[in-house]
Protein backbone atom coordinates (compact mmCIF):
# COMPACT_ATOMS: atom_id res chain seq x y z
CA UNK A 1 23.31 -15.98 20.77
CA UNK A 2 23.16 -16.97 24.50
CA UNK A 3 22.86 -20.41 25.58
CA UNK A 4 20.42 -20.85 28.21
CA UNK A 5 21.49 -23.13 30.98
CA UNK A 6 19.01 -25.75 31.80
CA UNK A 7 18.79 -27.37 35.12
CA UNK A 8 18.78 -31.22 34.83
CA UNK A 9 16.50 -33.21 37.05
CA UNK A 10 17.79 -36.56 37.96
CA UNK A 11 15.51 -39.68 38.65
CA UNK A 12 16.30 -42.63 40.92
CA UNK A 13 17.86 -44.58 38.03
CA UNK A 14 20.22 -41.72 37.32
CA UNK A 15 21.25 -41.30 40.86
CA UNK A 16 21.85 -45.06 41.26
CA UNK A 17 24.06 -45.14 38.25
CA UNK A 18 26.04 -42.10 39.68
CA UNK A 19 26.44 -43.79 42.97
CA UNK A 20 27.46 -47.26 41.88
CA UNK A 21 29.16 -46.35 38.60
CA UNK A 22 26.54 -48.45 36.64
CA UNK A 23 22.86 -49.36 36.24
CA UNK A 24 21.55 -51.54 39.17
CA UNK A 25 18.81 -54.03 38.24
CA UNK A 26 15.86 -53.59 40.53
CA UNK A 27 14.33 -56.54 42.19
CA UNK A 28 10.82 -57.52 41.58
CA UNK A 29 8.46 -57.50 44.51
CA UNK A 30 8.18 -61.18 44.48
CA UNK A 31 12.14 -61.51 44.58
CA UNK A 32 12.32 -58.97 47.40
CA UNK A 33 9.79 -60.81 49.57
CA UNK A 34 11.46 -64.28 49.01
CA UNK A 35 14.79 -62.76 49.97
CA UNK A 36 13.22 -61.15 53.12
CA UNK A 37 11.59 -64.56 53.96
CA UNK A 38 14.86 -66.24 53.73
CA UNK A 39 16.59 -63.91 56.01
CA UNK A 40 17.68 -61.41 53.50
CA UNK A 41 19.30 -64.00 51.29
CA UNK A 42 19.45 -62.67 47.56
CA UNK A 43 20.06 -66.42 46.80
CA UNK A 44 16.49 -67.50 47.76
CA UNK A 45 14.53 -66.12 44.63
CA UNK A 46 17.47 -67.14 42.31
CA UNK A 47 17.20 -70.92 43.68
CA UNK A 48 13.46 -70.67 43.35
CA UNK A 49 13.60 -69.61 39.65
CA UNK A 50 16.10 -72.34 39.06
CA UNK A 51 13.85 -74.91 40.64
CA UNK A 52 10.94 -73.67 38.37
CA UNK A 53 13.12 -73.95 35.24
CA UNK A 54 14.56 -77.29 35.98
CA UNK A 55 11.02 -78.53 36.61
CA UNK A 56 10.04 -77.28 33.18
CA UNK A 57 12.87 -79.28 31.78
CA UNK A 58 11.63 -82.52 33.43
CA UNK A 59 13.37 -82.65 36.65
CA UNK A 60 11.39 -84.04 39.57
CA UNK A 61 10.67 -81.50 42.29
CA UNK A 62 11.76 -83.91 45.06
CA UNK A 63 15.06 -84.63 43.41
CA UNK A 64 15.72 -80.74 43.30
CA UNK A 65 14.73 -80.25 46.85
CA UNK A 66 16.90 -83.37 47.91
CA UNK A 67 19.87 -81.83 46.57
CA UNK A 68 19.33 -78.40 47.74
CA UNK A 69 18.66 -79.53 51.33
CA UNK A 70 21.71 -81.99 51.02
CA UNK A 71 23.83 -78.93 50.19
CA UNK A 72 22.45 -77.05 52.96
CA UNK A 73 23.15 -79.67 55.51
CA UNK A 74 26.74 -80.24 54.19
CA UNK A 75 27.38 -76.45 54.51
CA UNK A 76 25.93 -76.23 57.80
CA UNK A 77 27.94 -79.09 59.21
CA UNK A 78 31.16 -77.85 57.62
CA UNK A 79 30.65 -74.22 58.92
CA UNK A 80 29.00 -73.48 62.16
CA UNK A 81 27.48 -70.25 63.06
CA UNK A 82 26.36 -69.24 59.42
CA UNK A 83 23.18 -67.34 58.95
CA UNK A 84 20.39 -68.95 56.73
CA UNK A 85 21.17 -66.25 54.15
CA UNK A 86 24.89 -67.15 54.13
CA UNK A 87 24.14 -70.77 53.76
CA UNK A 88 21.73 -70.01 50.70
CA UNK A 89 24.32 -67.83 49.21
CA UNK A 90 26.87 -70.65 49.46
CA UNK A 91 24.28 -73.19 48.12
CA UNK A 92 23.59 -70.91 45.38
CA UNK A 93 27.31 -70.65 44.42
CA UNK A 94 27.98 -74.20 44.85
CA UNK A 95 25.01 -75.03 42.54
CA UNK A 96 26.21 -72.71 39.95
CA UNK A 97 29.59 -74.29 40.07
CA UNK A 98 28.10 -77.81 39.49
CA UNK A 99 25.78 -76.58 36.57
CA UNK A 100 28.80 -75.07 34.90
CA UNK A 101 30.73 -78.18 35.30
CA UNK A 102 27.90 -80.20 33.75
CA UNK A 103 27.54 -77.74 30.88
CA UNK A 104 31.17 -78.07 30.25
CA UNK A 105 31.17 -81.84 30.39
CA UNK A 106 28.21 -81.80 27.85
CA UNK A 107 30.15 -79.39 25.54
CA UNK A 108 33.39 -81.57 25.62
CA UNK A 109 31.21 -84.69 24.92
CA UNK A 110 29.72 -82.97 21.96
CA UNK A 111 33.17 -81.99 20.64
CA UNK A 112 34.31 -85.53 20.99
CA UNK A 113 31.32 -87.00 19.00
CA UNK A 114 32.07 -84.96 15.84
């Protein structure tokens, strides 16, 4: 019995997986457009989603915006010559570190209570 060789046609997802060694998550059109509006910063849509979630949790819009603008100002003053995209990436990273520290603090407090 002969086994027929079948030609395999690869789609875009298959090719991206082969190229990068793993599946890439495609951006939504909204995330892509927000990133382009922010000078190509992938952090822009992440910070927008974070704002939406924090507002749903009861944080005031003004407080969130004040914190983000303050971080942007600190980064701009500390490092001149950065693009808007680079500044937003650093803001995203710093915000992630601060939220992680806050969660760890809450978890430690919960363990002390028991």
